[in-house]
Amino acid sequence: EKINTVAYGCMSGTIAIGEDKVKEKIQLAKPDCYVTTPITSAIAAMKKLEIKKISLLTPYVDSVNQAMREFLEEHGIVVLNIGSFCIENGTLFAELPPDAIFEAALEVCHPEADGLFIACAAIRAVEIIERAEQALGKPVLSAIQTLFWQCLRESGYTGPVQNYGCLLKGDL
């Protein structure tokens, strides 16, 4: 079976390298494939769900957070506020416990936000999306969840996927 979709799995890397540069490099090896990144898929998901104002939760240091805010705002997404774990060593991102992510999600989500976006494909945010959506009453997106959603859709699967939030269920 031919590969038709390639996902680059690093959000902060995409911001640092540049979305176009990532796509260009991947298409050198796979010229006919669709290329997506966590930030590409997040913006597509926000547009699909008509999310215009977000609260942002990240594991990153402030310089990365500000670059992410700038990137999102350049793409028409208003970032109302940012909550961060401020972890300097990226190898520690995956060690964040899901319950800590859940508590931070509830704490950071601004009442005026259309949704919450949890950045970084390395943290275990997908484990708390359903609970957070129920608690907040609004969409919760994560980098890996939006990446998975976009890859599924680009590869032709259009059915619902349970337990990963309203984006994958197709509720909205």
Protein backbone atom coordinates (compact mmCIF):
# COMPACT_ATOMS: atom_id res chain seq x y z
CA GLU A 1 0.00 0.00 0.00
CA LYS A 2 1.30 3.44 -0.94
CA ILE A 3 1.91 6.01 1.81
CA ASN A 4 -0.28 9.02 1.09
CA THR A 5 0.10 10.97 4.36
CA VAL A 6 3.15 11.79 6.47
CA ALA A 7 2.86 13.43 9.89
CA TYR A 8 5.80 15.29 11.41
CA GLY A 9 5.30 14.82 15.14
CA CYS A 10 6.91 17.81 16.85
CA MET A 11 4.98 20.99 17.49
CA SER A 12 7.76 23.20 18.83
CA GLY A 13 10.08 21.85 16.13
CA THR A 14 7.59 22.87 13.46
CA ILE A 15 7.39 26.38 14.90
CA ALA A 16 11.20 26.64 15.09
CA ILE A 17 11.97 25.12 11.67
CA GLY A 18 8.96 26.52 9.87
CA GLU A 19 5.89 24.69 8.64
CA ASP A 20 6.81 25.14 4.96
CA LYS A 21 10.39 23.93 5.50
CA VAL A 22 9.18 20.78 7.27
CA LYS A 23 6.79 20.01 4.40
CA GLU A 24 9.48 20.73 1.80
CA LYS A 25 11.99 18.35 3.43
CA ILE A 26 9.47 15.52 3.79
CA GLN A 27 8.28 15.92 0.22
CA LEU A 28 11.85 15.48 -1.02
CA ALA A 29 11.54 11.86 0.10
CA LYS A 30 7.79 11.45 -0.53
CA PRO A 31 6.88 13.97 -3.23
CA ASP A 32 3.26 12.90 -3.76
CA CYS A 33 2.17 12.64 -0.14
CA TYR A 34 0.15 14.98 2.03
CA VAL A 35 2.26 16.39 4.87
CA THR A 36 0.90 17.61 8.16
CA THR A 37 2.32 18.78 11.48
CA PRO A 38 0.78 19.24 14.92
CA ILE A 39 0.31 22.98 14.36
CA THR A 40 -1.06 22.47 10.82
CA SER A 41 -3.62 19.99 12.11
CA ALA A 42 -4.46 22.08 15.18
CA ILE A 43 -5.29 25.11 13.05
CA ALA A 44 -7.37 22.93 10.68
CA ALA A 45 -9.25 21.46 13.66
CA MET A 46 -9.88 24.91 15.13
CA LYS A 47 -11.29 26.08 11.81
CA LYS A 48 -13.48 22.96 11.55
CA LEU A 49 -14.88 23.53 15.04
CA GLU A 50 -15.11 27.32 14.48
CA ILE A 51 -12.77 28.01 17.41
CA LYS A 52 -11.50 31.57 17.13
CA LYS A 53 -10.36 32.28 20.71
CA ILE A 54 -8.36 29.79 22.75
CA SER A 55 -6.63 29.22 25.99
CA LEU A 56 -3.27 27.54 25.42
CA LEU A 57 -1.65 24.98 27.72
CA THR A 58 1.92 23.89 27.05
CA PRO A 59 4.88 22.21 28.72
CA TYR A 60 7.22 24.80 27.14
CA VAL A 61 9.36 27.67 28.39
CA ASP A 62 8.12 31.21 27.76
CA SER A 63 10.15 31.86 24.59
CA VAL A 64 8.53 28.84 22.89
CA ASN A 65 5.11 29.82 24.24
CA GLN A 66 5.43 33.31 22.78
CA ALA A 67 6.54 31.93 19.39
CA MET A 68 3.51 29.64 19.44
CA ARG A 69 1.19 32.52 20.36
CA GLU A 70 2.59 34.57 17.50
CA PHE A 71 2.19 31.70 15.02
CA LEU A 72 -1.41 31.02 16.05
CA GLU A 73 -2.35 34.68 15.97
CA GLU A 74 -0.79 35.05 12.48
CA HIS A 75 -3.24 32.29 11.47
CA GLY A 76 -6.28 34.08 12.90
CA ILE A 77 -6.51 32.36 16.29
CA VAL A 78 -6.72 34.69 19.29
CA VAL A 79 -4.74 33.37 22.27
CA LEU A 80 -6.50 34.73 25.35
CA ASN A 81 -4.03 33.27 27.83
CA ILE A 82 -1.24 30.72 28.21
CA GLY A 83 -0.66 28.25 31.00
CA SER A 84 2.63 26.38 31.05
CA PHE A 85 4.54 23.77 33.00
CA CYS A 86 7.75 25.62 31.94
CA ILE A 87 9.78 22.45 31.45
CA GLU A 88 13.20 23.22 29.98
CA ASN A 89 14.27 19.64 29.21
CA GLY A 90 12.07 18.25 26.43
CA THR A 91 12.87 14.67 27.37
CA LEU A 92 10.78 15.23 30.51
CA PHE A 93 7.58 16.22 28.67
CA ALA A 94 6.25 12.64 28.54
CA GLU A 95 6.70 12.31 32.31
CA LEU A 96 3.93 14.85 33.03
CA PRO A 97 1.15 12.87 34.71
CA PRO A 98 -2.24 13.03 32.94
CA ASP A 99 -3.91 14.20 36.17
CA ALA A 100 -1.56 17.20 36.32
CA ILE A 101 -2.46 18.04 32.72
CA PHE A 102 -6.18 17.71 33.55
CA GLU A 103 -5.93 20.02 36.58
CA ALA A 104 -3.91 22.57 34.60
CA ALA A 105 -6.45 22.40 31.74
CA LEU A 106 -9.30 23.28 34.11
CA GLU A 107 -7.27 26.04 35.71
CA VAL A 108 -6.03 27.70 32.50
CA CYS A 109 -9.18 27.61 30.36
CA HIS A 110 -10.50 31.17 30.15
CA PRO A 111 -14.30 31.50 30.37
CA GLU A 112 -14.37 33.47 27.09
CA ALA A 113 -12.32 30.88 25.18
CA ASP A 114 -14.10 28.91 22.47
CA GLY A 115 -11.84 25.99 23.35
CA LEU A 116 -8.64 24.85 24.97
CA PHE A 117 -5.59 23.79 22.98
CA ILE A 118 -2.98 21.61 24.67
CA ALA A 119 0.27 21.94 22.73
CA CYS A 120 3.08 19.39 22.39
CA ALA A 121 2.76 15.96 20.84
CA ALA A 122 4.92 14.41 23.58
CA ILE A 123 2.65 15.02 26.57
CA ARG A 124 -0.13 12.61 27.53
CA ALA A 125 -3.03 14.98 26.91
CA VAL A 126 -5.19 12.57 24.88
CA GLU A 127 -5.83 10.67 28.09
CA ILE A 128 -7.74 13.60 29.60
CA ILE A 129 -9.55 15.13 26.61
CA GLU A 130 -12.95 13.53 27.28
CA ARG A 131 -12.90 14.42 31.00
CA ALA A 132 -11.72 17.96 30.30
CA GLU A 133 -14.41 18.56 27.66
CA GLN A 134 -17.07 17.36 30.07
CA ALA A 135 -15.75 19.53 32.90
CA LEU A 136 -15.27 22.65 30.75
CA GLY A 137 -18.26 22.28 28.46
CA LYS A 138 -16.19 23.23 25.41
CA PRO A 139 -13.85 21.56 22.91
CA VAL A 140 -10.43 20.50 24.09
CA LEU A 141 -7.83 19.86 21.41
CA SER A 142 -4.38 18.40 21.79
CA ALA A 143 -1.48 18.32 19.38
CA ILE A 144 -1.41 14.55 18.95
CA GLN A 145 -5.21 14.27 18.78
CA THR A 146 -5.47 16.84 15.98
CA LEU A 147 -2.56 15.20 14.15
CA PHE A 148 -4.29 11.80 14.40
CA TRP A 149 -7.61 13.35 13.24
CA GLN A 150 -6.06 14.99 10.19
CA CYS A 151 -4.12 11.86 9.20
CA LEU A 152 -7.28 9.75 9.45
CA ARG A 153 -9.26 12.20 7.33
CA GLU A 154 -6.51 12.59 4.71
CA SER A 155 -6.20 8.82 4.39
CA GLY A 156 -9.93 8.56 3.69
CA TYR A 157 -11.43 7.48 7.02
CA THR A 158 -14.45 9.66 7.84
CA GLY A 159 -16.16 7.71 10.62
CA PRO A 160 -16.27 8.62 14.31
CA VAL A 161 -13.59 7.65 16.82
CA GLN A 162 -14.75 7.41 20.44
CA ASN A 163 -12.98 8.57 23.62
CA TYR A 164 -10.81 11.28 22.06
CA GLY A 165 -13.07 14.32 22.22
CA CYS A 166 -15.70 15.96 20.08
CA LEU A 167 -13.29 16.51 17.18
CA LEU A 168 -12.91 12.79 16.50
CA LYS A 169 -16.49 11.89 17.40
CA GLY A 170 -17.71 14.45 14.92
CA ASP A 171 -20.06 15.98 17.53
CA LEU A 172 -19.70 19.53 16.29
